[in-house]
Amino acid sequence: GYPFHLAAENVAAGQPTLTGLIDDWKKSPTHSRN
């Protein structure tokens, strides 16, 4: 029920902490852009 005009998604597995996850996504141009 969420009508959108913009949407993006990042997924990941194996990072034990949120901080580590965000750090990994920052290093990836696609994930960082999202």
All heavy atoms as atom14 arrays in JSON, in Angstrom:
{
  "sequence": "GYPFHLAAENVAAGQPTLTGLIDDWKKSPTHSRN",
  "atom14_mask": [
    [1, 1, 1, 1, 0, 0, 0, 0, 0, 0, 0, 0, 0, 0],
    [1, 1, 1, 1, 1, 1, 1, 1, 1, 1, 1, 1, 0, 0],
    [1, 1, 1, 1, 1, 1, 1, 0, 0, 0, 0, 0, 0, 0],
    [1, 1, 1, 1, 1, 1, 1, 1, 1, 1, 1, 0, 0, 0],
    [1, 1, 1, 1, 1, 1, 1, 1, 1, 1, 0, 0, 0, 0],
    [1, 1, 1, 1, 1, 1, 1, 1, 0, 0, 0, 0, 0, 0],
    [1, 1, 1, 1, 1, 0, 0, 0, 0, 0, 0, 0, 0, 0],
    [1, 1, 1, 1, 1, 0, 0, 0, 0, 0, 0, 0, 0, 0],
    [1, 1, 1, 1, 1, 1, 1, 1, 1, 0, 0, 0, 0, 0],
    [1, 1, 1, 1, 1, 1, 1, 1, 0, 0, 0, 0, 0, 0],
    [1, 1, 1, 1, 1, 1, 1, 0, 0, 0, 0, 0, 0, 0],
    [1, 1, 1, 1, 1, 0, 0, 0, 0, 0, 0, 0, 0, 0],
    [1, 1, 1, 1, 1, 0, 0, 0, 0, 0, 0, 0, 0, 0],
    [1, 1, 1, 1, 0, 0, 0, 0, 0, 0, 0, 0, 0, 0],
    [1, 1, 1, 1, 1, 1, 1, 1, 1, 0, 0, 0, 0, 0],
    [1, 1, 1, 1, 1, 1, 1, 0, 0, 0, 0, 0, 0, 0],
    [1, 1, 1, 1, 1, 1, 1, 0, 0, 0, 0, 0, 0, 0],
    [1, 1, 1, 1, 1, 1, 1, 1, 0, 0, 0, 0, 0, 0],
    [1, 1, 1, 1, 1, 1, 1, 0, 0, 0, 0, 0, 0, 0],
    [1, 1, 1, 1, 0, 0, 0, 0, 0, 0, 0, 0, 0, 0],
    [1, 1, 1, 1, 1, 1, 1, 1, 0, 0, 0, 0, 0, 0],
    [1, 1, 1, 1, 1, 1, 1, 1, 0, 0, 0, 0, 0, 0],
    [1, 1, 1, 1, 1, 1, 1, 1, 0, 0, 0, 0, 0, 0],
    [1, 1, 1, 1, 1, 1, 1, 1, 0, 0, 0, 0, 0, 0],
    [1, 1, 1, 1, 1, 1, 1, 1, 1, 1, 1, 1, 1, 1],
    [1, 1, 1, 1, 1, 1, 1, 1, 1, 0, 0, 0, 0, 0],
    [1, 1, 1, 1, 1, 1, 1, 1, 1, 0, 0, 0, 0, 0],
    [1, 1, 1, 1, 1, 1, 0, 0, 0, 0, 0, 0, 0, 0],
    [1, 1, 1, 1, 1, 1, 1, 0, 0, 0, 0, 0, 0, 0],
    [1, 1, 1, 1, 1, 1, 1, 0, 0, 0, 0, 0, 0, 0],
    [1, 1, 1, 1, 1, 1, 1, 1, 1, 1, 0, 0, 0, 0],
    [1, 1, 1, 1, 1, 1, 0, 0, 0, 0, 0, 0, 0, 0],
    [1, 1, 1, 1, 1, 1, 1, 1, 1, 1, 1, 0, 0, 0],
    [1, 1, 1, 1, 1, 1, 1, 1, 0, 0, 0, 0, 0, 0]
  ],
  "atom14_positions": [
    [[0.8, -1.22, 0.0], [0.0, 0.0, 0.0], [0.83, 1.27, 0.0], [0.35, 2.33, 0.4], [0.0, 0.0, 0.0], [0.0, 0.0, 0.0], [0.0, 0.0, 0.0], [0.0, 0.0, 0.0], [0.0, 0.0, 0.0], [0.0, 0.0, 0.0], [0.0, 0.0, 0.0], [0.0, 0.0, 0.0], [0.0, 0.0, 0.0], [0.0, 0.0, 0.0]],
    [[2.07, 1.19, -0.44], [2.95, 2.37, -0.48], [3.16, 2.76, -1.94], [4.03, 2.23, -2.61], [4.29, 2.06, 0.18], [5.21, 3.25, 0.3], [5.2, 4.04, 1.44], [6.1, 3.58, -0.71], [6.06, 5.14, 1.56], [6.96, 4.68, -0.61], [6.92, 5.45, 0.53], [7.76, 6.52, 0.65], [0.0, 0.0, 0.0], [0.0, 0.0, 0.0]],
    [[2.37, 3.72, -2.44], [2.59, 4.19, -3.81], [3.86, 5.04, -3.82], [4.02, 5.94, -3.01], [1.35, 5.02, -4.11], [0.84, 5.45, -2.78], [1.28, 4.4, -1.78], [0.0, 0.0, 0.0], [0.0, 0.0, 0.0], [0.0, 0.0, 0.0], [0.0, 0.0, 0.0], [0.0, 0.0, 0.0], [0.0, 0.0, 0.0], [0.0, 0.0, 0.0]],
    [[4.78, 4.77, -4.72], [6.07, 5.42, -4.68], [6.45, 5.96, -6.05], [5.95, 5.51, -7.07], [7.15, 4.43, -4.21], [7.39, 3.34, -5.22], [8.41, 3.44, -6.14], [6.58, 2.22, -5.26], [8.62, 2.45, -7.09], [6.78, 1.22, -6.2], [7.8, 1.34, -7.11], [0.0, 0.0, 0.0], [0.0, 0.0, 0.0], [0.0, 0.0, 0.0]],
    [[7.32, 6.95, -6.05], [7.94, 7.38, -7.3], [9.45, 7.15, -7.27], [10.12, 7.28, -8.29], [7.6, 8.85, -7.63], [8.45, 9.86, -6.94], [8.12, 10.38, -5.72], [9.62, 10.43, -7.3], [9.06, 11.25, -5.34], [9.98, 11.3, -6.28], [0.0, 0.0, 0.0], [0.0, 0.0, 0.0], [0.0, 0.0, 0.0], [0.0, 0.0, 0.0]],
    [[9.97, 6.78, -6.09], [11.38, 6.5, -5.92], [11.52, 5.36, -4.93], [10.88, 5.38, -3.87], [12.1, 7.74, -5.37], [13.54, 7.57, -4.95], [14.43, 7.43, -6.18], [13.98, 8.74, -4.1], [0.0, 0.0, 0.0], [0.0, 0.0, 0.0], [0.0, 0.0, 0.0], [0.0, 0.0, 0.0], [0.0, 0.0, 0.0], [0.0, 0.0, 0.0]],
    [[12.33, 4.36, -5.26], [12.59, 3.27, -4.32], [13.93, 2.62, -4.65], [14.29, 2.47, -5.81], [11.48, 2.22, -4.4], [0.0, 0.0, 0.0], [0.0, 0.0, 0.0], [0.0, 0.0, 0.0], [0.0, 0.0, 0.0], [0.0, 0.0, 0.0], [0.0, 0.0, 0.0], [0.0, 0.0, 0.0], [0.0, 0.0, 0.0], [0.0, 0.0, 0.0]],
    [[14.65, 2.27, -3.61], [15.92, 1.55, -3.77], [16.06, 0.6, -2.58], [15.5, 0.84, -1.51], [17.09, 2.52, -3.82], [0.0, 0.0, 0.0], [0.0, 0.0, 0.0], [0.0, 0.0, 0.0], [0.0, 0.0, 0.0], [0.0, 0.0, 0.0], [0.0, 0.0, 0.0], [0.0, 0.0, 0.0], [0.0, 0.0, 0.0], [0.0, 0.0, 0.0]],
    [[16.84, -0.45, -2.79], [17.0, -1.47, -1.76], [18.45, -1.94, -1.71], [19.08, -2.15, -2.74], [16.08, -2.64, -2.1], [16.21, -3.83, -1.18], [15.32, -4.98, -1.63], [15.42, -5.43, -2.78], [14.52, -5.41, -0.79], [0.0, 0.0, 0.0], [0.0, 0.0, 0.0], [0.0, 0.0, 0.0], [0.0, 0.0, 0.0], [0.0, 0.0, 0.0]],
    [[18.95, -2.09, -0.49], [20.24, -2.73, -0.24], [19.98, -3.99, 0.57], [19.14, -3.96, 1.49], [21.17, -1.83, 0.57], [21.72, -0.67, -0.21], [21.52, -0.55, -1.42], [22.41, 0.23, 0.48], [0.0, 0.0, 0.0], [0.0, 0.0, 0.0], [0.0, 0.0, 0.0], [0.0, 0.0, 0.0], [0.0, 0.0, 0.0], [0.0, 0.0, 0.0]],
    [[20.67, -5.06, 0.26], [20.61, -6.27, 1.07], [22.04, -6.71, 1.38], [22.97, -6.39, 0.65], [19.82, -7.41, 0.39], [18.36, -7.02, 0.21], [20.43, -7.81, -0.94], [0.0, 0.0, 0.0], [0.0, 0.0, 0.0], [0.0, 0.0, 0.0], [0.0, 0.0, 0.0], [0.0, 0.0, 0.0], [0.0, 0.0, 0.0], [0.0, 0.0, 0.0]],
    [[22.19, -7.45, 2.46], [23.51, -7.94, 2.84], [23.35, -9.11, 3.81], [22.29, -9.29, 4.41], [24.34, -6.84, 3.5], [0.0, 0.0, 0.0], [0.0, 0.0, 0.0], [0.0, 0.0, 0.0], [0.0, 0.0, 0.0], [0.0, 0.0, 0.0], [0.0, 0.0, 0.0], [0.0, 0.0, 0.0], [0.0, 0.0, 0.0], [0.0, 0.0, 0.0]],
    [[24.42, -9.86, 3.95], [24.43, -10.97, 4.9], [25.82, -11.11, 5.49], [26.82, -10.9, 4.8], [24.01, -12.26, 4.21], [0.0, 0.0, 0.0], [0.0, 0.0, 0.0], [0.0, 0.0, 0.0], [0.0, 0.0, 0.0], [0.0, 0.0, 0.0], [0.0, 0.0, 0.0], [0.0, 0.0, 0.0], [0.0, 0.0, 0.0], [0.0, 0.0, 0.0]],
    [[25.86, -11.44, 6.77], [27.13, -11.76, 7.42], [27.73, -10.68, 8.3], [28.58, -10.98, 9.12], [0.0, 0.0, 0.0], [0.0, 0.0, 0.0], [0.0, 0.0, 0.0], [0.0, 0.0, 0.0], [0.0, 0.0, 0.0], [0.0, 0.0, 0.0], [0.0, 0.0, 0.0], [0.0, 0.0, 0.0], [0.0, 0.0, 0.0], [0.0, 0.0, 0.0]],
    [[27.3, -9.45, 8.16], [27.85, -8.39, 9.02], [27.23, -8.51, 10.41], [26.01, -8.48, 10.55], [27.54, -7.0, 8.44], [28.22, -6.72, 7.13], [27.48, -7.29, 5.93], [26.46, -7.95, 6.06], [28.0, -7.06, 4.75], [0.0, 0.0, 0.0], [0.0, 0.0, 0.0], [0.0, 0.0, 0.0], [0.0, 0.0, 0.0], [0.0, 0.0, 0.0]],
    [[28.06, -8.63, 11.45], [27.52, -8.84, 12.79], [26.91, -7.59, 13.45], [26.12, -7.71, 14.37], [28.71, -9.35, 13.6], [29.91, -8.85, 12.87], [29.52, -8.76, 11.43], [0.0, 0.0, 0.0], [0.0, 0.0, 0.0], [0.0, 0.0, 0.0], [0.0, 0.0, 0.0], [0.0, 0.0, 0.0], [0.0, 0.0, 0.0], [0.0, 0.0, 0.0]],
    [[27.28, -6.39, 12.95], [26.77, -5.17, 13.57], [26.24, -4.21, 12.51], [26.67, -4.25, 11.35], [27.88, -4.43, 14.35], [28.87, -3.95, 13.43], [28.51, -5.33, 15.4], [0.0, 0.0, 0.0], [0.0, 0.0, 0.0], [0.0, 0.0, 0.0], [0.0, 0.0, 0.0], [0.0, 0.0, 0.0], [0.0, 0.0, 0.0], [0.0, 0.0, 0.0]],
    [[25.34, -3.34, 12.94], [24.81, -2.32, 12.04], [25.93, -1.38, 11.57], [25.99, -1.0, 10.4], [23.7, -1.54, 12.73], [23.04, -0.42, 11.92], [22.39, -0.98, 10.66], [22.01, 0.31, 12.77], [0.0, 0.0, 0.0], [0.0, 0.0, 0.0], [0.0, 0.0, 0.0], [0.0, 0.0, 0.0], [0.0, 0.0, 0.0], [0.0, 0.0, 0.0]],
    [[26.84, -1.04, 12.46], [27.96, -0.16, 12.1], [28.81, -0.8, 11.0], [29.17, -0.14, 10.02], [28.83, 0.14, 13.33], [28.02, 0.76, 14.33], [29.99, 1.06, 12.98], [0.0, 0.0, 0.0], [0.0, 0.0, 0.0], [0.0, 0.0, 0.0], [0.0, 0.0, 0.0], [0.0, 0.0, 0.0], [0.0, 0.0, 0.0], [0.0, 0.0, 0.0]],
    [[29.11, -2.08, 11.14], [29.88, -2.78, 10.12], [29.15, -2.85, 8.8], [29.75, -2.72, 7.72], [0.0, 0.0, 0.0], [0.0, 0.0, 0.0], [0.0, 0.0, 0.0], [0.0, 0.0, 0.0], [0.0, 0.0, 0.0], [0.0, 0.0, 0.0], [0.0, 0.0, 0.0], [0.0, 0.0, 0.0], [0.0, 0.0, 0.0], [0.0, 0.0, 0.0]],
    [[27.85, -3.06, 8.88], [27.02, -3.11, 7.68], [27.06, -1.78, 6.93], [27.32, -1.74, 5.73], [25.58, -3.44, 8.06], [24.55, -3.32, 6.94], [24.69, -4.46, 5.95], [23.15, -3.26, 7.53], [0.0, 0.0, 0.0], [0.0, 0.0, 0.0], [0.0, 0.0, 0.0], [0.0, 0.0, 0.0], [0.0, 0.0, 0.0], [0.0, 0.0, 0.0]],
    [[26.83, -0.69, 7.64], [26.83, 0.63, 7.02], [28.2, 0.94, 6.43], [28.31, 1.47, 5.32], [26.39, 1.73, 8.02], [24.95, 1.48, 8.52], [26.52, 3.12, 7.41], [23.9, 1.48, 7.44], [0.0, 0.0, 0.0], [0.0, 0.0, 0.0], [0.0, 0.0, 0.0], [0.0, 0.0, 0.0], [0.0, 0.0, 0.0], [0.0, 0.0, 0.0]],
    [[29.26, 0.58, 7.15], [30.61, 0.8, 6.63], [30.82, 0.03, 5.32], [31.39, 0.57, 4.37], [31.67, 0.37, 7.65], [31.8, 1.34, 8.81], [31.33, 2.5, 8.69], [32.38, 0.94, 9.84], [0.0, 0.0, 0.0], [0.0, 0.0, 0.0], [0.0, 0.0, 0.0], [0.0, 0.0, 0.0], [0.0, 0.0, 0.0], [0.0, 0.0, 0.0]],
    [[30.35, -1.21, 5.25], [30.47, -1.99, 4.02], [29.69, -1.35, 2.88], [30.18, -1.25, 1.75], [29.99, -3.43, 4.22], [31.0, -4.29, 4.96], [32.13, -3.83, 5.2], [30.64, -5.44, 5.31], [0.0, 0.0, 0.0], [0.0, 0.0, 0.0], [0.0, 0.0, 0.0], [0.0, 0.0, 0.0], [0.0, 0.0, 0.0], [0.0, 0.0, 0.0]],
    [[28.47, -0.91, 3.16], [27.66, -0.28, 2.12], [28.28, 1.04, 1.65], [28.2, 1.38, 0.48], [26.23, -0.07, 2.6], [25.37, -1.31, 2.53], [25.6, -2.41, 1.78], [24.16, -1.52, 3.21], [24.58, -3.32, 1.97], [23.68, -2.8, 2.85], [23.41, -0.78, 4.13], [22.49, -3.34, 3.33], [22.23, -1.31, 4.62], [21.77, -2.58, 4.23]],
    [[28.9, 1.78, 2.54], [29.57, 3.03, 2.15], [30.69, 2.78, 1.15], [30.97, 3.62, 0.3], [30.16, 3.74, 3.38], [29.17, 4.45, 4.24], [29.95, 5.03, 5.4], [29.16, 5.88, 6.31], [30.0, 6.41, 7.41], [0.0, 0.0, 0.0], [0.0, 0.0, 0.0], [0.0, 0.0, 0.0], [0.0, 0.0, 0.0], [0.0, 0.0, 0.0]],
    [[31.35, 1.64, 1.25], [32.47, 1.3, 0.37], [32.02, 0.85, -1.02], [32.83, 0.79, -1.94], [33.31, 0.18, 1.0], [34.01, 0.6, 2.26], [34.66, -0.61, 2.91], [35.11, -0.29, 4.32], [35.51, -1.5, 5.05], [0.0, 0.0, 0.0], [0.0, 0.0, 0.0], [0.0, 0.0, 0.0], [0.0, 0.0, 0.0], [0.0, 0.0, 0.0]],
    [[30.75, 0.55, -1.16], [30.21, 0.1, -2.45], [29.51, 1.27, -3.13], [28.55, 1.83, -2.58], [29.2, -1.02, -2.2], [28.36, -1.2, -3.33], [0.0, 0.0, 0.0], [0.0, 0.0, 0.0], [0.0, 0.0, 0.0], [0.0, 0.0, 0.0], [0.0, 0.0, 0.0], [0.0, 0.0, 0.0], [0.0, 0.0, 0.0], [0.0, 0.0, 0.0]],
    [[29.94, 1.66, -4.33], [29.31, 2.81, -4.99], [27.79, 2.66, -5.16], [27.05, 3.6, -4.91], [30.01, 2.87, -6.35], [31.34, 2.25, -6.12], [31.09, 1.16, -5.09], [0.0, 0.0, 0.0], [0.0, 0.0, 0.0], [0.0, 0.0, 0.0], [0.0, 0.0, 0.0], [0.0, 0.0, 0.0], [0.0, 0.0, 0.0], [0.0, 0.0, 0.0]],
    [[27.33, 1.49, -5.53], [25.89, 1.29, -5.72], [25.12, 1.38, -4.42], [24.1, 2.06, -4.32], [25.62, -0.09, -6.38], [26.34, -0.15, -7.6], [24.15, -0.28, -6.65], [0.0, 0.0, 0.0], [0.0, 0.0, 0.0], [0.0, 0.0, 0.0], [0.0, 0.0, 0.0], [0.0, 0.0, 0.0], [0.0, 0.0, 0.0], [0.0, 0.0, 0.0]],
    [[25.61, 0.7, -3.39], [24.92, 0.71, -2.1], [24.98, 2.1, -1.46], [24.0, 2.57, -0.88], [25.52, -0.33, -1.16], [25.3, -1.73, -1.61], [26.28, -2.46, -2.23], [24.2, -2.52, -1.57], [25.8, -3.65, -2.53], [24.53, -3.71, -2.16], [0.0, 0.0, 0.0], [0.0, 0.0, 0.0], [0.0, 0.0, 0.0], [0.0, 0.0, 0.0]],
    [[26.12, 2.76, -1.57], [26.26, 4.11, -1.02], [25.28, 5.06, -1.71], [24.61, 5.87, -1.05], [27.69, 4.59, -1.2], [27.86, 5.86, -0.64], [0.0, 0.0, 0.0], [0.0, 0.0, 0.0], [0.0, 0.0, 0.0], [0.0, 0.0, 0.0], [0.0, 0.0, 0.0], [0.0, 0.0, 0.0], [0.0, 0.0, 0.0], [0.0, 0.0, 0.0]],
    [[25.19, 4.97, -3.03], [24.27, 5.83, -3.79], [22.83, 5.62, -3.31], [22.08, 6.58, -3.13], [24.41, 5.54, -5.28], [23.6, 6.44, -6.17], [23.89, 6.28, -7.66], [24.02, 4.89, -8.11], [25.16, 4.33, -8.5], [26.29, 5.0, -8.47], [25.18, 3.08, -8.91], [0.0, 0.0, 0.0], [0.0, 0.0, 0.0], [0.0, 0.0, 0.0]],
    [[22.44, 4.37, -3.08], [21.09, 4.1, -2.58], [20.84, 4.76, -1.23], [19.77, 5.32, -0.99], [20.84, 2.59, -2.46], [20.64, 1.93, -3.79], [20.43, 2.57, -4.81], [20.7, 0.61, -3.79], [0.0, 0.0, 0.0], [0.0, 0.0, 0.0], [0.0, 0.0, 0.0], [0.0, 0.0, 0.0], [0.0, 0.0, 0.0], [0.0, 0.0, 0.0]]
  ]
}
